[in-house]
């Protein structure tokens, strides 16, 4: 049926790993799937597939996560993220990406190093009930707008969110917030792909094959997440961020 059909089975172990990381850190599925999966099938099929799985996976994470939150916090942040994605899509037509990619790549490396070596020093174990019940600030909105714009222009939106909110919340609160925001982003991406007709029957069938492995990755990743310390959480998240930096640098070199 074609090269994509013959190769899609290679994506299945990658799906498990990507959503294991997403359950462990709250992000990383797009980074991992695009960085590796695009070498197998090309970037667009992987982006579409990951958007479909991110919607299901995001809802699943919200179901297994007992952290409490309030809509007055995450809804405005998600709106800012959405507007940023739209803005990034407009800006990409006006500016060249080479220098921007260098800036983003440098930022990724810096955030990855911060997560691995420094974040846990300023984080105390916090009460989940208190972490996500506060209101947002203008700075929070600005960070989400910047993250969304970066995502719209480069496909990478996590680093600003990780650095800003990772300084405020422990791993439980951070993962919960990221899950909410990235679920809205995934729904937006999927809506765009539907409008432009990018969701082909083959990709939909691959998504069906991938769902059991995605669930397995989320379940095992969530169990691992509940057992790890703040320092281990930061190191794992930092490695995922550094992987995205390598992907970006590889794209520049190529």
C-alpha atoms as a PDB file:
ATOM      1  CA  UNK A   1       0.000   0.000   0.000  1.00  0.00           C
ATOM      2  CA  UNK A   2       3.024   2.323   0.061  1.00  0.00           C
ATOM      3  CA  UNK A   3       6.106   3.185   1.988  1.00  0.00           C
ATOM      4  CA  UNK A   4       4.205   4.817   4.840  1.00  0.00           C
ATOM      5  CA  UNK A   5       2.099   1.690   5.391  1.00  0.00           C
ATOM      6  CA  UNK A   6       5.126  -0.571   5.290  1.00  0.00           C
ATOM      7  CA  UNK A   7       6.984   1.514   7.862  1.00  0.00           C
ATOM      8  CA  UNK A   8       4.265   2.504  10.316  1.00  0.00           C
ATOM      9  CA  UNK A   9       4.917  -0.500  12.595  1.00  0.00           C
ATOM     10  CA  UNK A  10       8.251   1.107  13.494  1.00  0.00           C
ATOM     11  CA  UNK A  11       6.282   3.965  15.040  1.00  0.00           C
ATOM     12  CA  UNK A  12       4.504   1.745  17.579  1.00  0.00           C
ATOM     13  CA  UNK A  13       7.414   1.350  20.061  1.00  0.00           C
ATOM     14  CA  UNK A  14       8.070   5.066  19.643  1.00  0.00           C
ATOM     15  CA  UNK A  15       4.472   5.834  20.626  1.00  0.00           C
ATOM     16  CA  UNK A  16       4.917   3.870  23.841  1.00  0.00           C
ATOM     17  CA  UNK A  17       8.123   5.728  24.703  1.00  0.00           C
ATOM     18  CA  UNK A  18       6.726   9.154  23.779  1.00  0.00           C
ATOM     19  CA  UNK A  19       3.667   8.798  26.009  1.00  0.00           C
ATOM     20  CA  UNK A  20       5.665   7.228  28.814  1.00  0.00           C
ATOM     21  CA  UNK A  21       7.677  10.463  28.788  1.00  0.00           C
ATOM     22  CA  UNK A  22       4.533  12.585  28.535  1.00  0.00           C
ATOM     23  CA  UNK A  23       3.035  10.888  31.603  1.00  0.00           C
ATOM     24  CA  UNK A  24       6.335  11.271  33.445  1.00  0.00           C
ATOM     25  CA  UNK A  25       6.898  14.962  32.640  1.00  0.00           C
ATOM     26  CA  UNK A  26       3.653  16.397  31.231  1.00  0.00           C
ATOM     27  CA  UNK A  27       5.174  17.053  27.812  1.00  0.00           C
ATOM     28  CA  UNK A  28       7.511  15.534  25.234  1.00  0.00           C
ATOM     29  CA  UNK A  29       5.223  13.501  22.988  1.00  0.00           C
ATOM     30  CA  UNK A  30       5.491  15.877  20.035  1.00  0.00           C
ATOM     31  CA  UNK A  31       9.229  16.417  20.544  1.00  0.00           C
ATOM     32  CA  UNK A  32       9.992  12.691  20.593  1.00  0.00           C
ATOM     33  CA  UNK A  33       7.583  11.670  17.843  1.00  0.00           C
ATOM     34  CA  UNK A  34       8.725  14.390  15.437  1.00  0.00           C
ATOM     35  CA  UNK A  35      12.421  14.066  16.249  1.00  0.00           C
ATOM     36  CA  UNK A  36      12.489  10.328  15.531  1.00  0.00           C
ATOM     37  CA  UNK A  37       9.232   9.471  13.775  1.00  0.00           C
ATOM     38  CA  UNK A  38       9.718  12.039  11.027  1.00  0.00           C
ATOM     39  CA  UNK A  39      12.796  10.099   9.927  1.00  0.00           C
ATOM     40  CA  UNK A  40      10.530   7.077   9.363  1.00  0.00           C
ATOM     41  CA  UNK A  41       7.413   8.519   7.742  1.00  0.00           C
ATOM     42  CA  UNK A  42       8.044  12.234   7.211  1.00  0.00           C
ATOM     43  CA  UNK A  43       7.074  15.136   9.501  1.00  0.00           C
ATOM     44  CA  UNK A  44       3.452  15.777   8.479  1.00  0.00           C
ATOM     45  CA  UNK A  45       2.087  12.241   9.058  1.00  0.00           C
ATOM     46  CA  UNK A  46       3.800  12.156  12.447  1.00  0.00           C
ATOM     47  CA  UNK A  47       2.467  15.584  13.430  1.00  0.00           C
ATOM     48  CA  UNK A  48      -1.062  14.598  12.474  1.00  0.00           C
ATOM     49  CA  UNK A  49      -0.777  11.251  14.254  1.00  0.00           C
ATOM     50  CA  UNK A  50       0.617  12.885  17.396  1.00  0.00           C
ATOM     51  CA  UNK A  51      -2.171  15.477  17.401  1.00  0.00           C
ATOM     52  CA  UNK A  52      -4.770  12.703  17.380  1.00  0.00           C
ATOM     53  CA  UNK A  53      -2.998  10.789  20.137  1.00  0.00           C
ATOM     54  CA  UNK A  54      -2.340  13.931  22.191  1.00  0.00           C
ATOM     55  CA  UNK A  55      -6.061  14.610  22.448  1.00  0.00           C
ATOM     56  CA  UNK A  56      -6.795  11.089  23.698  1.00  0.00           C
ATOM     57  CA  UNK A  57      -3.655  10.986  25.821  1.00  0.00           C
ATOM     58  CA  UNK A  58      -4.324  14.404  27.339  1.00  0.00           C
ATOM     59  CA  UNK A  59      -7.830  13.407  28.398  1.00  0.00           C
ATOM     60  CA  UNK A  60      -6.456  10.148  29.801  1.00  0.00           C
ATOM     61  CA  UNK A  61      -3.834  11.983  31.864  1.00  0.00           C
ATOM     62  CA  UNK A  62      -6.498  14.247  33.319  1.00  0.00           C
ATOM     63  CA  UNK A  63      -8.431  11.156  34.374  1.00  0.00           C
ATOM     64  CA  UNK A  64      -5.509   9.473  36.124  1.00  0.00           C
ATOM     65  CA  UNK A  65      -4.201  12.689  37.708  1.00  0.00           C
ATOM     66  CA  UNK A  66      -5.758  13.478  41.087  1.00  0.00           C
ATOM     67  CA  UNK A  67      -4.282  16.990  41.329  1.00  0.00           C
ATOM     68  CA  UNK A  68      -6.942  19.640  41.894  1.00  0.00           C
ATOM     69  CA  UNK A  69      -7.103  22.857  39.913  1.00  0.00           C
ATOM     70  CA  UNK A  70      -9.424  25.702  38.960  1.00  0.00           C
ATOM     71  CA  UNK A  71     -10.497  26.842  35.533  1.00  0.00           C
ATOM     72  CA  UNK A  72      -9.743  30.457  36.432  1.00  0.00           C
ATOM     73  CA  UNK A  73      -6.063  29.546  36.183  1.00  0.00           C
ATOM     74  CA  UNK A  74      -5.698  27.223  33.203  1.00  0.00           C
ATOM     75  CA  UNK A  75      -8.421  28.561  30.879  1.00  0.00           C
ATOM     76  CA  UNK A  76      -6.872  32.047  30.435  1.00  0.00           C
ATOM     77  CA  UNK A  77      -3.431  30.487  30.056  1.00  0.00           C
ATOM     78  CA  UNK A  78      -4.748  28.123  27.380  1.00  0.00           C
ATOM     79  CA  UNK A  79      -6.367  31.034  25.532  1.00  0.00           C
ATOM     80  CA  UNK A  80      -3.043  32.903  25.567  1.00  0.00           C
ATOM     81  CA  UNK A  81      -1.325  29.777  24.270  1.00  0.00           C
ATOM     82  CA  UNK A  82      -3.882  29.465  21.463  1.00  0.00           C
ATOM     83  CA  UNK A  83      -3.456  33.099  20.450  1.00  0.00           C
ATOM     84  CA  UNK A  84       0.307  32.625  20.440  1.00  0.00           C
ATOM     85  CA  UNK A  85       0.053  29.662  18.075  1.00  0.00           C
ATOM     86  CA  UNK A  86      -2.057  31.746  15.689  1.00  0.00           C
ATOM     87  CA  UNK A  87       0.389  34.654  15.966  1.00  0.00           C
ATOM     88  CA  UNK A  88       3.318  32.332  15.307  1.00  0.00           C
ATOM     89  CA  UNK A  89       1.625  31.042  12.195  1.00  0.00           C
ATOM     90  CA  UNK A  90       1.282  34.598  10.910  1.00  0.00           C
ATOM     91  CA  UNK A  91       4.822  35.652  11.818  1.00  0.00           C
ATOM     92  CA  UNK A  92       6.363  32.660  10.075  1.00  0.00           C
ATOM     93  CA  UNK A  93       5.267  34.184   6.760  1.00  0.00           C
ATOM     94  CA  UNK A  94       6.975  37.496   7.529  1.00  0.00           C
ATOM     95  CA  UNK A  95      10.378  36.524   8.953  1.00  0.00           C
ATOM     96  CA  UNK A  96      13.099  34.054   8.152  1.00  0.00           C
ATOM     97  CA  UNK A  97      13.468  31.212  10.639  1.00  0.00           C
ATOM     98  CA  UNK A  98      17.223  30.671  10.683  1.00  0.00           C
ATOM     99  CA  UNK A  99      18.139  33.148  13.419  1.00  0.00           C
ATOM    100  CA  UNK A 100      14.989  32.340  15.376  1.00  0.00           C
ATOM    101  CA  UNK A 101      15.865  28.653  15.375  1.00  0.00           C
ATOM    102  CA  UNK A 102      19.321  29.456  16.712  1.00  0.00           C
ATOM    103  CA  UNK A 103      17.764  31.486  19.553  1.00  0.00           C
ATOM    104  CA  UNK A 104      15.278  28.735  20.339  1.00  0.00           C
ATOM    105  CA  UNK A 105      17.997  26.061  20.215  1.00  0.00           C
ATOM    106  CA  UNK A 106      20.177  28.020  22.634  1.00  0.00           C
ATOM    107  CA  UNK A 107      17.199  28.528  24.946  1.00  0.00           C
ATOM    108  CA  UNK A 108      16.417  24.825  24.871  1.00  0.00           C
ATOM    109  CA  UNK A 109      19.927  23.908  25.937  1.00  0.00           C
ATOM    110  CA  UNK A 110      19.845  26.476  28.758  1.00  0.00           C
ATOM    111  CA  UNK A 111      16.473  25.281  30.057  1.00  0.00           C
ATOM    112  CA  UNK A 112      17.540  21.641  29.817  1.00  0.00           C
ATOM    113  CA  UNK A 113      20.665  22.312  31.875  1.00  0.00           C
ATOM    114  CA  UNK A 114      18.616  24.287  34.425  1.00  0.00           C
ATOM    115  CA  UNK A 115      16.136  21.422  34.791  1.00  0.00           C
ATOM    116  CA  UNK A 116      18.845  18.818  35.256  1.00  0.00           C
ATOM    117  CA  UNK A 117      21.120  20.646  37.663  1.00  0.00           C
ATOM    118  CA  UNK A 118      19.357  23.587  39.325  1.00  0.00           C
ATOM    119  CA  UNK A 119      15.547  23.400  39.419  1.00  0.00           C
ATOM    120  CA  UNK A 120      15.208  20.968  42.308  1.00  0.00           C
ATOM    121  CA  UNK A 121      17.275  23.213  44.597  1.00  0.00           C
ATOM    122  CA  UNK A 122      14.518  25.819  44.721  1.00  0.00           C
ATOM    123  CA  UNK A 123      11.547  23.486  44.814  1.00  0.00           C
ATOM    124  CA  UNK A 124       9.950  22.185  47.967  1.00  0.00           C
ATOM    125  CA  UNK A 125       7.368  19.461  48.137  1.00  0.00           C
ATOM    126  CA  UNK A 126       4.097  21.376  47.958  1.00  0.00           C
ATOM    127  CA  UNK A 127       0.467  20.619  48.625  1.00  0.00           C
ATOM    128  CA  UNK A 128      -1.319  19.810  45.383  1.00  0.00           C
ATOM    129  CA  UNK A 129      -4.544  21.416  46.629  1.00  0.00           C
ATOM    130  CA  UNK A 130      -2.807  24.801  46.926  1.00  0.00           C
ATOM    131  CA  UNK A 131      -0.713  24.811  43.796  1.00  0.00           C
ATOM    132  CA  UNK A 132      -3.277  25.186  41.039  1.00  0.00           C
ATOM    133  CA  UNK A 133      -6.068  27.036  42.830  1.00  0.00           C
ATOM    134  CA  UNK A 134      -4.573  30.523  42.473  1.00  0.00           C
ATOM    135  CA  UNK A 135      -5.313  33.087  39.816  1.00  0.00           C
ATOM    136  CA  UNK A 136      -3.061  33.893  36.874  1.00  0.00           C
ATOM    137  CA  UNK A 137      -0.845  36.929  36.452  1.00  0.00           C
ATOM    138  CA  UNK A 138      -0.024  39.033  33.415  1.00  0.00           C
ATOM    139  CA  UNK A 139       3.439  37.472  33.429  1.00  0.00           C
ATOM    140  CA  UNK A 140       1.848  33.995  33.239  1.00  0.00           C
ATOM    141  CA  UNK A 141      -0.205  35.117  30.236  1.00  0.00           C
ATOM    142  CA  UNK A 142       2.862  36.624  28.583  1.00  0.00           C
ATOM    143  CA  UNK A 143       4.865  33.419  28.990  1.00  0.00           C
ATOM    144  CA  UNK A 144       2.043  31.353  27.471  1.00  0.00           C
ATOM    145  CA  UNK A 145       1.750  33.808  24.584  1.00  0.00           C
ATOM    146  CA  UNK A 146       5.489  33.551  23.917  1.00  0.00           C
ATOM    147  CA  UNK A 147       5.381  29.750  24.212  1.00  0.00           C
ATOM    148  CA  UNK A 148       2.470  29.534  21.803  1.00  0.00           C
ATOM    149  CA  UNK A 149       4.187  31.861  19.331  1.00  0.00           C
ATOM    150  CA  UNK A 150       7.333  29.746  19.514  1.00  0.00           C
ATOM    151  CA  UNK A 151       5.243  26.635  18.943  1.00  0.00           C
ATOM    152  CA  UNK A 152       3.492  28.211  15.973  1.00  0.00           C
ATOM    153  CA  UNK A 153       6.799  29.172  14.356  1.00  0.00           C
ATOM    154  CA  UNK A 154       9.084  26.264  15.278  1.00  0.00           C
ATOM    155  CA  UNK A 155       6.858  23.464  16.627  1.00  0.00           C
ATOM    156  CA  UNK A 156       8.542  23.783  20.059  1.00  0.00           C
ATOM    157  CA  UNK A 157       6.575  25.476  22.827  1.00  0.00           C
ATOM    158  CA  UNK A 158       7.479  23.703  26.077  1.00  0.00           C
ATOM    159  CA  UNK A 159      10.730  25.445  27.244  1.00  0.00           C
ATOM    160  CA  UNK A 160       9.253  28.838  28.301  1.00  0.00           C
ATOM    161  CA  UNK A 161       6.448  27.052  30.141  1.00  0.00           C
ATOM    162  CA  UNK A 162       8.810  24.622  31.836  1.00  0.00           C
ATOM    163  CA  UNK A 163      11.177  27.343  33.046  1.00  0.00           C
ATOM    164  CA  UNK A 164       8.478  29.762  34.237  1.00  0.00           C
ATOM    165  CA  UNK A 165       6.014  27.395  35.887  1.00  0.00           C
ATOM    166  CA  UNK A 166       8.683  24.870  36.872  1.00  0.00           C
ATOM    167  CA  UNK A 167      10.070  27.517  39.212  1.00  0.00           C
ATOM    168  CA  UNK A 168       6.701  27.838  40.957  1.00  0.00           C
ATOM    169  CA  UNK A 169       5.142  24.378  41.099  1.00  0.00           C
ATOM    170  CA  UNK A 170       6.293  20.948  42.185  1.00  0.00           C
ATOM    171  CA  UNK A 171       6.104  18.109  39.684  1.00  0.00           C
ATOM    172  CA  UNK A 172       2.429  17.312  40.378  1.00  0.00           C
ATOM    173  CA  UNK A 173       1.204  20.826  39.772  1.00  0.00           C
ATOM    174  CA  UNK A 174       3.489  21.384  36.798  1.00  0.00           C
ATOM    175  CA  UNK A 175       2.386  18.219  35.023  1.00  0.00           C
ATOM    176  CA  UNK A 176      -1.276  19.024  35.632  1.00  0.00           C
ATOM    177  CA  UNK A 177      -0.938  22.523  34.203  1.00  0.00           C
ATOM    178  CA  UNK A 178       1.040  21.386  31.174  1.00  0.00           C
ATOM    179  CA  UNK A 179      -1.488  18.635  30.486  1.00  0.00           C
ATOM    180  CA  UNK A 180      -4.310  21.169  30.398  1.00  0.00           C
ATOM    181  CA  UNK A 181      -2.490  23.648  28.184  1.00  0.00           C
ATOM    182  CA  UNK A 182      -1.148  21.084  25.727  1.00  0.00           C
ATOM    183  CA  UNK A 183      -4.563  19.403  25.449  1.00  0.00           C
ATOM    184  CA  UNK A 184      -5.996  22.702  24.209  1.00  0.00           C
ATOM    185  CA  UNK A 185      -3.057  23.043  21.819  1.00  0.00           C
ATOM    186  CA  UNK A 186      -3.592  19.498  20.509  1.00  0.00           C
ATOM    187  CA  UNK A 187      -7.292  20.168  19.923  1.00  0.00           C
ATOM    188  CA  UNK A 188      -6.361  23.313  17.997  1.00  0.00           C
ATOM    189  CA  UNK A 189      -3.844  21.465  15.843  1.00  0.00           C
ATOM    190  CA  UNK A 190      -6.283  18.654  15.144  1.00  0.00           C
ATOM    191  CA  UNK A 191      -8.954  21.151  14.119  1.00  0.00           C
ATOM    192  CA  UNK A 192      -6.533  22.757  11.677  1.00  0.00           C
ATOM    193  CA  UNK A 193      -5.569  19.373  10.214  1.00  0.00           C
ATOM    194  CA  UNK A 194      -9.220  18.479   9.748  1.00  0.00           C
ATOM    195  CA  UNK A 195      -9.902  21.747   7.932  1.00  0.00           C
ATOM    196  CA  UNK A 196      -6.963  21.309   5.551  1.00  0.00           C
ATOM    197  CA  UNK A 197      -7.763  17.617   4.988  1.00  0.00           C
ATOM    198  CA  UNK A 198      -4.508  16.288   6.437  1.00  0.00           C
ATOM    199  CA  UNK A 199      -6.105  13.450   8.438  1.00  0.00           C
ATOM    200  CA  UNK A 200      -5.991  10.659   5.894  1.00  0.00           C
ATOM    201  CA  UNK A 201      -7.612   7.224   6.485  1.00  0.00           C
ATOM    202  CA  UNK A 202      -4.160   5.602   6.754  1.00  0.00           C
ATOM    203  CA  UNK A 203      -3.132   7.931   9.592  1.00  0.00           C
ATOM    204  CA  UNK A 204      -6.424   7.324  11.363  1.00  0.00           C
ATOM    205  CA  UNK A 205      -5.877   3.564  11.168  1.00  0.00           C
ATOM    206  CA  UNK A 206      -2.347   3.944  12.544  1.00  0.00           C
ATOM    207  CA  UNK A 207      -3.779   5.961  15.432  1.00  0.00           C
ATOM    208  CA  UNK A 208      -6.126   3.079  16.243  1.00  0.00           C
ATOM    209  CA  UNK A 209      -3.205   0.637  16.276  1.00  0.00           C
ATOM    210  CA  UNK A 210      -1.215   3.060  18.452  1.00  0.00           C
ATOM    211  CA  UNK A 211      -3.841   3.686  21.140  1.00  0.00           C
ATOM    212  CA  UNK A 212      -3.151   0.524  23.219  1.00  0.00           C
ATOM    213  CA  UNK A 213       0.581   1.298  23.320  1.00  0.00           C
ATOM    214  CA  UNK A 214      -0.172   4.914  24.148  1.00  0.00           C
ATOM    215  CA  UNK A 215      -2.358   3.814  27.082  1.00  0.00           C
ATOM    216  CA  UNK A 216       0.347   1.432  28.265  1.00  0.00           C
ATOM    217  CA  UNK A 217       2.947   4.205  28.111  1.00  0.00           C
ATOM    218  CA  UNK A 218       0.712   6.578  30.069  1.00  0.00           C
ATOM    219  CA  UNK A 219      -0.133   4.022  32.755  1.00  0.00           C
ATOM    220  CA  UNK A 220       3.477   2.973  33.312  1.00  0.00           C
ATOM    221  CA  UNK A 221       4.728   6.553  33.015  1.00  0.00           C
ATOM    222  CA  UNK A 222       2.199   7.713  35.608  1.00  0.00           C
ATOM    223  CA  UNK A 223       3.302   5.010  38.033  1.00  0.00           C
ATOM    224  CA  UNK A 224       6.905   6.036  37.514  1.00  0.00           C
ATOM    225  CA  UNK A 225       5.965   9.713  37.960  1.00  0.00           C
ATOM    226  CA  UNK A 226       4.351   9.021  41.342  1.00  0.00           C
ATOM    227  CA  UNK A 227       7.535   7.359  42.631  1.00  0.00           C
ATOM    228  CA  UNK A 228      10.259   9.714  41.454  1.00  0.00           C
ATOM    229  CA  UNK A 229      11.649  12.662  43.402  1.00  0.00           C
ATOM    230  CA  UNK A 230      11.653  16.297  42.330  1.00  0.00           C
ATOM    231  CA  UNK A 231      15.325  16.064  41.341  1.00  0.00           C
ATOM    232  CA  UNK A 232      14.736  12.954  39.201  1.00  0.00           C
ATOM    233  CA  UNK A 233      11.716  14.592  37.599  1.00  0.00           C
ATOM    234  CA  UNK A 234      13.822  17.619  36.673  1.00  0.00           C
ATOM    235  CA  UNK A 235      16.581  15.481  35.209  1.00  0.00           C
ATOM    236  CA  UNK A 236      14.169  13.495  33.037  1.00  0.00           C
ATOM    237  CA  UNK A 237      12.396  16.646  31.844  1.00  0.00           C
ATOM    238  CA  UNK A 238      15.783  18.219  31.129  1.00  0.00           C
ATOM    239  CA  UNK A 239      16.857  15.289  28.972  1.00  0.00           C
ATOM    240  CA  UNK A 240      13.636  15.550  26.941  1.00  0.00           C
ATOM    241  CA  UNK A 241      14.289  19.273  26.449  1.00  0.00           C
ATOM    242  CA  UNK A 242      17.870  18.591  25.330  1.00  0.00           C
ATOM    243  CA  UNK A 243      16.570  16.029  22.827  1.00  0.00           C
ATOM    244  CA  UNK A 244      14.414  18.746  21.293  1.00  0.00           C
ATOM    245  CA  UNK A 245      17.488  20.991  21.095  1.00  0.00           C
ATOM    246  CA  UNK A 246      19.404  18.278  19.238  1.00  0.00           C
ATOM    247  CA  UNK A 247      16.469  17.857  16.862  1.00  0.00           C
ATOM    248  CA  UNK A 248      16.481  21.590  16.136  1.00  0.00           C
ATOM    249  CA  UNK A 249      20.250  21.727  15.627  1.00  0.00           C
ATOM    250  CA  UNK A 250      20.080  18.693  13.337  1.00  0.00           C
ATOM    251  CA  UNK A 251      17.420  20.494  11.309  1.00  0.00           C
ATOM    252  CA  UNK A 252      19.654  23.561  11.006  1.00  0.00           C
ATOM    253  CA  UNK A 253      22.691  21.539   9.962  1.00  0.00           C
ATOM    254  CA  UNK A 254      20.648  19.519   7.490  1.00  0.00           C
END
